[in-house]
Amino acid sequence: MSNLISNAIKYSPEDKTPLVEINFRNDSTEIKVEDEGIGIPEEELQHLFEPFYRASNVKEYSGTGLGTAIAKEYIELIGGTISVRSQLGEGTEFTIRLNN
């Protein structure tokens, strides 16, 4: 969670506040981290969870390319899933689903 939230802050304009939403359901919990930042090029989304991968539009931002890969690994270790939707120049939304 800390990686997804810190990324949402890092890649967002200063005047835009990322959103964290938690929805509790009978059989699962859904957590969304959404920003209105730079977004991720569509053709690069498939690589986002690979270790050391950094999108082509983040060169001016510091980072190792490990955060989302580690987040995915931990989430899957506890039986959850993570998905991402993004539009270049409009923002990114990560959704985590955990079984209760």
PDB file of N, CA and C in Angstrom:
ATOM      1  N   MET A   1       0.825  -1.196   0.000  1.00  0.00           N
ATOM      2  CA  MET A   1       0.000   0.000   0.000  1.00  0.00           C
ATOM      3  C   MET A   1       0.867   1.256   0.000  1.00  0.00           C
ATOM      4  N   SER A   2       1.925   1.236   0.810  1.00  0.00           N
ATOM      5  CA  SER A   2       2.741   2.447   0.883  1.00  0.00           C
ATOM      6  C   SER A   2       3.377   2.770  -0.461  1.00  0.00           C
ATOM      7  N   ASN A   3       3.787   1.760  -1.226  1.00  0.00           N
ATOM      8  CA  ASN A   3       4.367   2.017  -2.542  1.00  0.00           C
ATOM      9  C   ASN A   3       3.338   2.604  -3.487  1.00  0.00           C
ATOM     10  N   LEU A   4       2.150   2.036  -3.518  1.00  0.00           N
ATOM     11  CA  LEU A   4       1.116   2.526  -4.431  1.00  0.00           C
ATOM     12  C   LEU A   4       0.711   3.955  -4.081  1.00  0.00           C
ATOM     13  N   ILE A   5       0.593   4.243  -2.802  1.00  0.00           N
ATOM     14  CA  ILE A   5       0.217   5.590  -2.378  1.00  0.00           C
ATOM     15  C   ILE A   5       1.348   6.582  -2.650  1.00  0.00           C
ATOM     16  N   SER A   6       2.580   6.193  -2.347  1.00  0.00           N
ATOM     17  CA  SER A   6       3.688   7.123  -2.601  1.00  0.00           C
ATOM     18  C   SER A   6       3.865   7.366  -4.098  1.00  0.00           C
ATOM     19  N   ASN A   7       3.639   6.351  -4.938  1.00  0.00           N
ATOM     20  CA  ASN A   7       3.686   6.559  -6.383  1.00  0.00           C
ATOM     21  C   ASN A   7       2.578   7.509  -6.837  1.00  0.00           C
ATOM     22  N   ALA A   8       1.388   7.340  -6.286  1.00  0.00           N
ATOM     23  CA  ALA A   8       0.269   8.215  -6.656  1.00  0.00           C
ATOM     24  C   ALA A   8       0.599   9.671  -6.327  1.00  0.00           C
ATOM     25  N   ILE A   9       1.246   9.882  -5.207  1.00  0.00           N
ATOM     26  CA  ILE A   9       1.646  11.235  -4.821  1.00  0.00           C
ATOM     27  C   ILE A   9       2.771  11.733  -5.725  1.00  0.00           C
ATOM     28  N   LYS A  10       3.773  10.893  -5.945  1.00  0.00           N
ATOM     29  CA  LYS A  10       4.947  11.288  -6.723  1.00  0.00           C
ATOM     30  C   LYS A  10       4.599  11.673  -8.160  1.00  0.00           C
ATOM     31  N   TYR A  11       3.702  10.929  -8.793  1.00  0.00           N
ATOM     32  CA  TYR A  11       3.401  11.150 -10.202  1.00  0.00           C
ATOM     33  C   TYR A  11       2.201  12.066 -10.442  1.00  0.00           C
ATOM     34  N   SER A  12       1.673  12.667  -9.382  1.00  0.00           N
ATOM     35  CA  SER A  12       0.536  13.580  -9.503  1.00  0.00           C
ATOM     36  C   SER A  12       0.992  15.031  -9.434  1.00  0.00           C
ATOM     37  N   PRO A  13       0.269  15.915 -10.093  1.00  0.00           N
ATOM     38  CA  PRO A  13       0.565  17.350  -9.925  1.00  0.00           C
ATOM     39  C   PRO A  13       0.324  17.752  -8.475  1.00  0.00           C
ATOM     40  N   GLU A  14       1.005  18.790  -8.036  1.00  0.00           N
ATOM     41  CA  GLU A  14       0.892  19.224  -6.640  1.00  0.00           C
ATOM     42  C   GLU A  14      -0.525  19.602  -6.247  1.00  0.00           C
ATOM     43  N   ASP A  15      -1.335  20.065  -7.192  1.00  0.00           N
ATOM     44  CA  ASP A  15      -2.688  20.504  -6.867  1.00  0.00           C
ATOM     45  C   ASP A  15      -3.725  19.383  -6.952  1.00  0.00           C
ATOM     46  N   LYS A  16      -3.287  18.153  -7.189  1.00  0.00           N
ATOM     47  CA  LYS A  16      -4.200  17.004  -7.277  1.00  0.00           C
ATOM     48  C   LYS A  16      -3.886  16.018  -6.162  1.00  0.00           C
ATOM     49  N   THR A  17      -4.888  15.649  -5.400  1.00  0.00           N
ATOM     50  CA  THR A  17      -4.719  14.729  -4.286  1.00  0.00           C
ATOM     51  C   THR A  17      -5.172  13.326  -4.682  1.00  0.00           C
ATOM     52  N   PRO A  18      -4.304  12.333  -4.543  1.00  0.00           N
ATOM     53  CA  PRO A  18      -4.718  10.957  -4.845  1.00  0.00           C
ATOM     54  C   PRO A  18      -5.849  10.505  -3.923  1.00  0.00           C
ATOM     55  N   LEU A  19      -6.577   9.512  -4.384  1.00  0.00           N
ATOM     56  CA  LEU A  19      -7.708   8.966  -3.647  1.00  0.00           C
ATOM     57  C   LEU A  19      -7.404   7.526  -3.250  1.00  0.00           C
ATOM     58  N   VAL A  20      -7.669   7.195  -1.990  1.00  0.00           N
ATOM     59  CA  VAL A  20      -7.588   5.814  -1.518  1.00  0.00           C
ATOM     60  C   VAL A  20      -8.979   5.437  -1.043  1.00  0.00           C
ATOM     61  N   GLU A  21      -9.504   4.364  -1.601  1.00  0.00           N
ATOM     62  CA  GLU A  21     -10.871   3.933  -1.290  1.00  0.00           C
ATOM     63  C   GLU A  21     -10.837   2.464  -0.867  1.00  0.00           C
ATOM     64  N   ILE A  22     -11.537   2.143   0.220  1.00  0.00           N
ATOM     65  CA  ILE A  22     -11.621   0.762   0.699  1.00  0.00           C
ATOM     66  C   ILE A  22     -13.087   0.373   0.749  1.00  0.00           C
ATOM     67  N   ASN A  23     -13.412  -0.731   0.089  1.00  0.00           N
ATOM     68  CA  ASN A  23     -14.781  -1.243   0.086  1.00  0.00           C
ATOM     69  C   ASN A  23     -14.790  -2.642   0.689  1.00  0.00           C
ATOM     70  N   PHE A  24     -15.557  -2.802   1.748  1.00  0.00           N
ATOM     71  CA  PHE A  24     -15.687  -4.100   2.395  1.00  0.00           C
ATOM     72  C   PHE A  24     -16.918  -4.799   1.848  1.00  0.00           C
ATOM     73  N   ARG A  25     -16.731  -6.001   1.373  1.00  0.00           N
ATOM     74  CA  ARG A  25     -17.826  -6.805   0.858  1.00  0.00           C
ATOM     75  C   ARG A  25     -17.948  -8.053   1.732  1.00  0.00           C
ATOM     76  N   ASN A  26     -18.977  -8.860   1.502  1.00  0.00           N
ATOM     77  CA  ASN A  26     -19.158 -10.072   2.304  1.00  0.00           C
ATOM     78  C   ASN A  26     -17.973 -11.026   2.189  1.00  0.00           C
ATOM     79  N   ASP A  27     -17.469 -11.200   0.979  1.00  0.00           N
ATOM     80  CA  ASP A  27     -16.427 -12.210   0.762  1.00  0.00           C
ATOM     81  C   ASP A  27     -15.061 -11.628   0.401  1.00  0.00           C
ATOM     82  N   SER A  28     -14.967 -10.312   0.259  1.00  0.00           N
ATOM     83  CA  SER A  28     -13.687  -9.720  -0.140  1.00  0.00           C
ATOM     84  C   SER A  28     -13.601  -8.253   0.290  1.00  0.00           C
ATOM     85  N   THR A  29     -12.387  -7.746   0.219  1.00  0.00           N
ATOM     86  CA  THR A  29     -12.126  -6.336   0.462  1.00  0.00           C
ATOM     87  C   THR A  29     -11.445  -5.793  -0.785  1.00  0.00           C
ATOM     88  N   GLU A  30     -11.902  -4.651  -1.259  1.00  0.00           N
ATOM     89  CA  GLU A  30     -11.333  -4.025  -2.444  1.00  0.00           C
ATOM     90  C   GLU A  30     -10.717  -2.689  -2.045  1.00  0.00           C
ATOM     91  N   ILE A  31      -9.477  -2.497  -2.435  1.00  0.00           N
ATOM     92  CA  ILE A  31      -8.758  -1.259  -2.134  1.00  0.00           C
ATOM     93  C   ILE A  31      -8.357  -0.635  -3.453  1.00  0.00           C
ATOM     94  N   LYS A  32      -8.697   0.634  -3.635  1.00  0.00           N
ATOM     95  CA  LYS A  32      -8.327   1.354  -4.852  1.00  0.00           C
ATOM     96  C   LYS A  32      -7.432   2.529  -4.488  1.00  0.00           C
ATOM     97  N   VAL A  33      -6.382   2.697  -5.270  1.00  0.00           N
ATOM     98  CA  VAL A  33      -5.512   3.858  -5.163  1.00  0.00           C
ATOM     99  C   VAL A  33      -5.557   4.522  -6.532  1.00  0.00           C
ATOM    100  N   GLU A  34      -6.051   5.745  -6.566  1.00  0.00           N
ATOM    101  CA  GLU A  34      -6.286   6.437  -7.830  1.00  0.00           C
ATOM    102  C   GLU A  34      -5.639   7.817  -7.807  1.00  0.00           C
ATOM    103  N   ASP A  35      -5.037   8.176  -8.926  1.00  0.00           N
ATOM    104  CA  ASP A  35      -4.462   9.515  -9.029  1.00  0.00           C
ATOM    105  C   ASP A  35      -4.847  10.148 -10.362  1.00  0.00           C
ATOM    106  N   GLU A  36      -4.588  11.438 -10.467  1.00  0.00           N
ATOM    107  CA  GLU A  36      -4.816  12.184 -11.700  1.00  0.00           C
ATOM    108  C   GLU A  36      -3.477  12.649 -12.259  1.00  0.00           C
ATOM    109  N   GLY A  37      -2.495  11.747 -12.206  1.00  0.00           N
ATOM    110  CA  GLY A  37      -1.132  12.081 -12.579  1.00  0.00           C
ATOM    111  C   GLY A  37      -0.816  11.868 -14.037  1.00  0.00           C
ATOM    112  N   ILE A  38       0.445  11.543 -14.303  1.00  0.00           N
ATOM    113  CA  ILE A  38       0.953  11.465 -15.670  1.00  0.00           C
ATOM    114  C   ILE A  38       0.446  10.257 -16.441  1.00  0.00           C
ATOM    115  N   GLY A  39      -0.014   9.243 -15.735  1.00  0.00           N
ATOM    116  CA  GLY A  39      -0.501   8.044 -16.405  1.00  0.00           C
ATOM    117  C   GLY A  39       0.632   7.193 -16.950  1.00  0.00           C
ATOM    118  N   ILE A  40       0.269   6.023 -17.453  1.00  0.00           N
ATOM    119  CA  ILE A  40       1.222   5.052 -17.984  1.00  0.00           C
ATOM    120  C   ILE A  40       0.822   4.760 -19.421  1.00  0.00           C
ATOM    121  N   PRO A  41       1.778   4.806 -20.343  1.00  0.00           N
ATOM    122  CA  PRO A  41       1.432   4.482 -21.725  1.00  0.00           C
ATOM    123  C   PRO A  41       0.777   3.097 -21.826  1.00  0.00           C
ATOM    124  N   GLU A  42      -0.315   3.002 -22.575  1.00  0.00           N
ATOM    125  CA  GLU A  42      -1.098   1.767 -22.662  1.00  0.00           C
ATOM    126  C   GLU A  42      -0.258   0.561 -23.057  1.00  0.00           C
ATOM    127  N   GLU A  43       0.638   0.736 -24.008  1.00  0.00           N
ATOM    128  CA  GLU A  43       1.442  -0.385 -24.486  1.00  0.00           C
ATOM    129  C   GLU A  43       2.473  -0.850 -23.450  1.00  0.00           C
ATOM    130  N   GLU A  44       2.642  -0.098 -22.373  1.00  0.00           N
ATOM    131  CA  GLU A  44       3.614  -0.456 -21.335  1.00  0.00           C
ATOM    132  C   GLU A  44       2.963  -1.072 -20.096  1.00  0.00           C
ATOM    133  N   LEU A  45       1.651  -1.022 -20.002  1.00  0.00           N
ATOM    134  CA  LEU A  45       0.957  -1.555 -18.824  1.00  0.00           C
ATOM    135  C   LEU A  45       1.270  -3.023 -18.577  1.00  0.00           C
ATOM    136  N   GLN A  46       1.442  -3.800 -19.642  1.00  0.00           N
ATOM    137  CA  GLN A  46       1.691  -5.231 -19.493  1.00  0.00           C
ATOM    138  C   GLN A  46       3.017  -5.521 -18.785  1.00  0.00           C
ATOM    139  N   HIS A  47       3.917  -4.559 -18.732  1.00  0.00           N
ATOM    140  CA  HIS A  47       5.230  -4.754 -18.108  1.00  0.00           C
ATOM    141  C   HIS A  47       5.320  -4.149 -16.711  1.00  0.00           C
ATOM    142  N   LEU A  48       4.286  -3.486 -16.275  1.00  0.00           N
ATOM    143  CA  LEU A  48       4.350  -2.680 -15.057  1.00  0.00           C
ATOM    144  C   LEU A  48       4.741  -3.463 -13.809  1.00  0.00           C
ATOM    145  N   PHE A  49       4.373  -4.735 -13.725  1.00  0.00           N
ATOM    146  CA  PHE A  49       4.661  -5.524 -12.531  1.00  0.00           C
ATOM    147  C   PHE A  49       5.939  -6.344 -12.660  1.00  0.00           C
ATOM    148  N   GLU A  50       6.724  -6.099 -13.703  1.00  0.00           N
ATOM    149  CA  GLU A  50       8.000  -6.787 -13.878  1.00  0.00           C
ATOM    150  C   GLU A  50       9.071  -6.059 -13.069  1.00  0.00           C
ATOM    151  N   PRO A  51       9.954  -6.824 -12.383  1.00  0.00           N
ATOM    152  CA  PRO A  51      11.020  -6.180 -11.609  1.00  0.00           C
ATOM    153  C   PRO A  51      11.896  -5.287 -12.486  1.00  0.00           C
ATOM    154  N   PHE A  52      12.232  -4.143 -11.972  1.00  0.00           N
ATOM    155  CA  PHE A  52      13.102  -3.139 -12.577  1.00  0.00           C
ATOM    156  C   PHE A  52      12.498  -2.435 -13.794  1.00  0.00           C
ATOM    157  N   TYR A  53      11.242  -2.700 -14.090  1.00  0.00           N
ATOM    158  CA  TYR A  53      10.613  -2.020 -15.224  1.00  0.00           C
ATOM    159  C   TYR A  53      10.157  -0.632 -14.796  1.00  0.00           C
ATOM    160  N   ARG A  54      10.474   0.355 -15.606  1.00  0.00           N
ATOM    161  CA  ARG A  54      10.001   1.719 -15.400  1.00  0.00           C
ATOM    162  C   ARG A  54       9.443   2.213 -16.717  1.00  0.00           C
ATOM    163  N   ALA A  55       8.282   2.815 -16.668  1.00  0.00           N
ATOM    164  CA  ALA A  55       7.639   3.320 -17.879  1.00  0.00           C
ATOM    165  C   ALA A  55       8.517   4.395 -18.524  1.00  0.00           C
ATOM    166  N   SER A  56       8.355   4.557 -19.813  1.00  0.00           N
ATOM    167  CA  SER A  56       9.194   5.478 -20.574  1.00  0.00           C
ATOM    168  C   SER A  56       8.982   6.948 -20.206  1.00  0.00           C
ATOM    169  N   ASN A  57       7.862   7.277 -19.583  1.00  0.00           N
ATOM    170  CA  ASN A  57       7.576   8.679 -19.266  1.00  0.00           C
ATOM    171  C   ASN A  57       7.933   9.076 -17.828  1.00  0.00           C
ATOM    172  N   VAL A  58       8.725   8.261 -17.125  1.00  0.00           N
ATOM    173  CA  VAL A  58       9.066   8.583 -15.733  1.00  0.00           C
ATOM    174  C   VAL A  58      10.556   8.844 -15.532  1.00  0.00           C
ATOM    175  N   LYS A  59      11.260   9.078 -16.576  1.00  0.00           N
ATOM    176  CA  LYS A  59      12.717   9.225 -16.477  1.00  0.00           C
ATOM    177  C   LYS A  59      13.143  10.358 -15.540  1.00  0.00           C
ATOM    178  N   GLU A  60      12.336  11.402 -15.428  1.00  0.00           N
ATOM    179  CA  GLU A  60      12.697  12.529 -14.563  1.00  0.00           C
ATOM    180  C   GLU A  60      12.351  12.283 -13.089  1.00  0.00           C
ATOM    181  N   TYR A  61      11.733  11.150 -12.780  1.00  0.00           N
ATOM    182  CA  TYR A  61      11.369  10.795 -11.415  1.00  0.00           C
ATOM    183  C   TYR A  61      12.311   9.695 -10.924  1.00  0.00           C
ATOM    184  N   SER A  62      12.728   9.784  -9.675  1.00  0.00           N
ATOM    185  CA  SER A  62      13.599   8.740  -9.129  1.00  0.00           C
ATOM    186  C   SER A  62      12.788   7.482  -8.833  1.00  0.00           C
ATOM    187  N   GLY A  63      13.473   6.337  -8.858  1.00  0.00           N
ATOM    188  CA  GLY A  63      12.828   5.072  -8.557  1.00  0.00           C
ATOM    189  C   GLY A  63      13.647   3.911  -9.080  1.00  0.00           C
ATOM    190  N   THR A  64      13.337   2.709  -8.570  1.00  0.00           N
ATOM    191  CA  THR A  64      14.097   1.518  -8.955  1.00  0.00           C
ATOM    192  C   THR A  64      13.345   0.609  -9.908  1.00  0.00           C
ATOM    193  N   GLY A  65      12.024   0.775  -9.982  1.00  0.00           N
ATOM    194  CA  GLY A  65      11.232  -0.140 -10.791  1.00  0.00           C
ATOM    195  C   GLY A  65      10.890  -1.422 -10.061  1.00  0.00           C
ATOM    196  N   LEU A  66      11.051  -1.415  -8.749  1.00  0.00           N
ATOM    197  CA  LEU A  66      10.754  -2.616  -7.960  1.00  0.00           C
ATOM    198  C   LEU A  66       9.441  -2.543  -7.191  1.00  0.00           C
ATOM    199  N   GLY A  67       8.938  -1.353  -6.936  1.00  0.00           N
ATOM    200  CA  GLY A  67       7.786  -1.182  -6.048  1.00  0.00           C
ATOM    201  C   GLY A  67       6.554  -1.953  -6.450  1.00  0.00           C
ATOM    202  N   THR A  68       6.114  -1.812  -7.695  1.00  0.00           N
ATOM    203  CA  THR A  68       4.890  -2.509  -8.096  1.00  0.00           C
ATOM    204  C   THR A  68       5.106  -4.013  -8.195  1.00  0.00           C
ATOM    205  N   ALA A  69       6.317  -4.438  -8.561  1.00  0.00           N
ATOM    206  CA  ALA A  69       6.614  -5.873  -8.616  1.00  0.00           C
ATOM    207  C   ALA A  69       6.548  -6.490  -7.222  1.00  0.00           C
ATOM    208  N   ILE A  70       7.101  -5.795  -6.247  1.00  0.00           N
ATOM    209  CA  ILE A  70       7.069  -6.279  -4.862  1.00  0.00           C
ATOM    210  C   ILE A  70       5.643  -6.257  -4.324  1.00  0.00           C
ATOM    211  N   ALA A  71       4.909  -5.192  -4.603  1.00  0.00           N
ATOM    212  CA  ALA A  71       3.517  -5.106  -4.150  1.00  0.00           C
ATOM    213  C   ALA A  71       2.707  -6.276  -4.697  1.00  0.00           C
ATOM    214  N   LYS A  72       2.853  -6.568  -5.973  1.00  0.00           N
ATOM    215  CA  LYS A  72       2.119  -7.679  -6.589  1.00  0.00           C
ATOM    216  C   LYS A  72       2.489  -9.005  -5.941  1.00  0.00           C
ATOM    217  N   GLU A  73       3.769  -9.206  -5.704  1.00  0.00           N
ATOM    218  CA  GLU A  73       4.236 -10.456  -5.083  1.00  0.00           C
ATOM    219  C   GLU A  73       3.607 -10.643  -3.700  1.00  0.00           C
ATOM    220  N   TYR A  74       3.631  -9.618  -2.877  1.00  0.00           N
ATOM    221  CA  TYR A  74       3.043  -9.705  -1.533  1.00  0.00           C
ATOM    222  C   TYR A  74       1.533  -9.933  -1.587  1.00  0.00           C
ATOM    223  N   ILE A  75       0.867  -9.205  -2.458  1.00  0.00           N
ATOM    224  CA  ILE A  75      -0.589  -9.347  -2.564  1.00  0.00           C
ATOM    225  C   ILE A  75      -0.964 -10.757  -2.997  1.00  0.00           C
ATOM    226  N   GLU A  76      -0.245 -11.302  -3.964  1.00  0.00           N
ATOM    227  CA  GLU A  76      -0.539 -12.660  -4.421  1.00  0.00           C
ATOM    228  C   GLU A  76      -0.171 -13.712  -3.370  1.00  0.00           C
ATOM    229  N   LEU A  77       0.852 -13.448  -2.558  1.00  0.00           N
ATOM    230  CA  LEU A  77       1.220 -14.383  -1.490  1.00  0.00           C
ATOM    231  C   LEU A  77       0.096 -14.563  -0.472  1.00  0.00           C
ATOM    232  N   ILE A  78      -0.716 -13.525  -0.277  1.00  0.00           N
ATOM    233  CA  ILE A  78      -1.823 -13.634   0.677  1.00  0.00           C
ATOM    234  C   ILE A  78      -3.145 -13.937  -0.025  1.00  0.00           C
ATOM    235  N   GLY A  79      -3.056 -14.357  -1.279  1.00  0.00           N
ATOM    236  CA  GLY A  79      -4.243 -14.790  -2.014  1.00  0.00           C
ATOM    237  C   GLY A  79      -5.028 -13.696  -2.697  1.00  0.00           C
ATOM    238  N   GLY A  80      -4.450 -12.525  -2.823  1.00  0.00           N
ATOM    239  CA  GLY A  80      -5.146 -11.411  -3.452  1.00  0.00           C
ATOM    240  C   GLY A  80      -4.733 -11.206  -4.895  1.00  0.00           C
ATOM    241  N   THR A  81      -5.339 -10.200  -5.495  1.00  0.00           N
ATOM    242  CA  THR A  81      -4.992  -9.811  -6.866  1.00  0.00           C
ATOM    243  C   THR A  81      -4.803  -8.308  -6.921  1.00  0.00           C
ATOM    244  N   ILE A  82      -4.049  -7.879  -7.918  1.00  0.00           N
ATOM    245  CA  ILE A  82      -3.866  -6.452  -8.164  1.00  0.00           C
ATOM    246  C   ILE A  82      -4.004  -6.220  -9.666  1.00  0.00           C
ATOM    247  N   SER A  83      -4.695  -5.156 -10.006  1.00  0.00           N
ATOM    248  CA  SER A  83      -4.840  -4.790 -11.412  1.00  0.00           C
ATOM    249  C   SER A  83      -4.620  -3.287 -11.546  1.00  0.00           C
ATOM    250  N   VAL A  84      -4.386  -2.858 -12.776  1.00  0.00           N
ATOM    251  CA  VAL A  84      -4.115  -1.444 -13.024  1.00  0.00           C
ATOM    252  C   VAL A  84      -4.852  -1.001 -14.275  1.00  0.00           C
ATOM    253  N   ARG A  85      -5.365   0.219 -14.214  1.00  0.00           N
ATOM    254  CA  ARG A  85      -5.940   0.905 -15.381  1.00  0.00           C
ATOM    255  C   ARG A  85      -5.260   2.258 -15.435  1.00  0.00           C
ATOM    256  N   SER A  86      -4.941   2.696 -16.618  1.00  0.00           N
ATOM    257  CA  SER A  86      -4.279   3.985 -16.719  1.00  0.00           C
ATOM    258  C   SER A  86      -4.536   4.609 -18.071  1.00  0.00           C
ATOM    259  N   GLN A  87      -4.541   5.921 -18.072  1.00  0.00           N
ATOM    260  CA  GLN A  87      -4.674   6.693 -19.303  1.00  0.00           C
ATOM    261  C   GLN A  87      -3.595   7.757 -19.268  1.00  0.00           C
ATOM    262  N   LEU A  88      -2.783   7.771 -20.290  1.00  0.00           N
ATOM    263  CA  LEU A  88      -1.677   8.711 -20.370  1.00  0.00           C
ATOM    264  C   LEU A  88      -2.186  10.147 -20.223  1.00  0.00           C
ATOM    265  N   GLY A  89      -1.585  10.877 -19.289  1.00  0.00           N
ATOM    266  CA  GLY A  89      -1.953  12.264 -19.052  1.00  0.00           C
ATOM    267  C   GLY A  89      -3.185  12.464 -18.199  1.00  0.00           C
ATOM    268  N   GLU A  90      -3.863  11.387 -17.820  1.00  0.00           N
ATOM    269  CA  GLU A  90      -5.092  11.511 -17.032  1.00  0.00           C
ATOM    270  C   GLU A  90      -5.041  10.817 -15.689  1.00  0.00           C
ATOM    271  N   GLY A  91      -4.146   9.846 -15.521  1.00  0.00           N
ATOM    272  CA  GLY A  91      -4.028   9.205 -14.223  1.00  0.00           C
ATOM    273  C   GLY A  91      -4.038   7.696 -14.274  1.00  0.00           C
ATOM    274  N   THR A  92      -3.909   7.123 -13.084  1.00  0.00           N
ATOM    275  CA  THR A  92      -3.781   5.684 -12.923  1.00  0.00           C
ATOM    276  C   THR A  92      -4.615   5.223 -11.742  1.00  0.00           C
ATOM    277  N   GLU A  93      -5.165   4.018 -11.852  1.00  0.00           N
ATOM    278  CA  GLU A  93      -5.936   3.412 -10.763  1.00  0.00           C
ATOM    279  C   GLU A  93      -5.456   1.983 -10.556  1.00  0.00           C
ATOM    280  N   PHE A  94      -5.005   1.690  -9.350  1.00  0.00           N
ATOM    281  CA  PHE A  94      -4.667   0.333  -8.947  1.00  0.00           C
ATOM    282  C   PHE A  94      -5.818  -0.200  -8.111  1.00  0.00           C
ATOM    283  N   THR A  95      -6.204  -1.449  -8.360  1.00  0.00           N
ATOM    284  CA  THR A  95      -7.247  -2.094  -7.573  1.00  0.00           C
ATOM    285  C   THR A  95      -6.693  -3.376  -6.983  1.00  0.00           C
ATOM    286  N   ILE A  96      -6.801  -3.491  -5.672  1.00  0.00           N
ATOM    287  CA  ILE A  96      -6.364  -4.692  -4.948  1.00  0.00           C
ATOM    288  C   ILE A  96      -7.615  -5.379  -4.439  1.00  0.00           C
ATOM    289  N   ARG A  97      -7.695  -6.683  -4.650  1.00  0.00           N
ATOM    290  CA  ARG A  97      -8.817  -7.478  -4.115  1.00  0.00           C
ATOM    291  C   ARG A  97      -8.257  -8.550  -3.204  1.00  0.00           C
ATOM    292  N   LEU A  98      -8.754  -8.571  -1.977  1.00  0.00           N
ATOM    293  CA  LEU A  98      -8.330  -9.547  -0.980  1.00  0.00           C
ATOM    294  C   LEU A  98      -9.537 -10.341  -0.526  1.00  0.00           C
ATOM    295  N   ASN A  99      -9.386 -11.658  -0.454  1.00  0.00           N
ATOM    296  CA  ASN A  99     -10.461 -12.494   0.061  1.00  0.00           C
ATOM    297  C   ASN A  99     -10.539 -12.350   1.568  1.00  0.00           C
ATOM    298  N   ASN A 100     -11.763 -12.283   2.088  1.00  0.00           N
ATOM    299  CA  ASN A 100     -11.945 -12.178   3.549  1.00  0.00           C
ATOM    300  C   ASN A 100     -11.875 -13.541   4.191  1.00  0.00           C
TER     301      ASN A 100
END
